[in-house]
């Protein structure tokens, strides 16, 4: 069976893009299950899949993050990866879908886990907001704070890969957030804001090749500090492109736990990749010339 991808809420599991992409395991929250139940749940996943990659968003309640770490510590297993992800809720769900797609490819669990950091760089995440008065996730100037009190004000906000904020309806250049320079599909979700701006203006400007609407994740209003929003995330949808992207990166072996990894940090134990000795670095440099 493929490596299991796990999340902490069902709204982080977007519909599969094809019949080959598996779902994700939804782990029980601490207030819904005791520690023994969580241990049994995780043990069953490990027995069925061999390895478990759990996505741990930065906005998770502290009790939920503690439960995940406690379960891994009590089971004393190196087959559980806890991936810390610093993306808005809908973008986190998009990243989870990409990891699910990778589980049917010929990648080891360590490569899948460490691929999350690589893939997140290619996700453009933002929202159309009715107010930025309480937004503290990205820098907000005094003028934007003041304009939030204007009736009907709307702001185009990009949180990732680089912060961008502009009020819509102004003549200022750069009102549209800068988009990706590669083919993407755009996923969006409506909150308590009635607007077709994402589908009617942003999607054509970003030249996306597909558009999909999904329900708004429960944590989105808290992340964006307002329920008046339309959240969006653009990402690479094609599993063959994802496979090529991940496969193009040099694979290393973690010196601490022995898992394969790509990038500079192990997805399972979070140990940084040790720098090669000078003679090895020189040999690599010479072989690439």
Foldseek 3Di string as FASTA:
>chain_A
DFAAEEEQDPQLWDDAPDPVQDTHHHQYACVGDPLVVNLVVVVVNCVVHVAYEYEDEPPDDPRRVVSVVVSCVVVVDLRYFYHYDHDFRNLSSVLSSLLSLCRVPPDDPFASLQCSVVQQQFKWKWKKALAQLPADLDDDDPVRNVCSPPPPWIWTWINPPHTDIDIPPDPDPPRQPDEDPDEWEKEKEFFPADDPCCVPPNCVVNVYPYYYYDHDDPCNCVNSVHRHMMIMMIGHDDSVVSVVVSVVFDWDAAPPPGDIYGDQATRRPRDGRDDDPPVVVVVVVVVVD
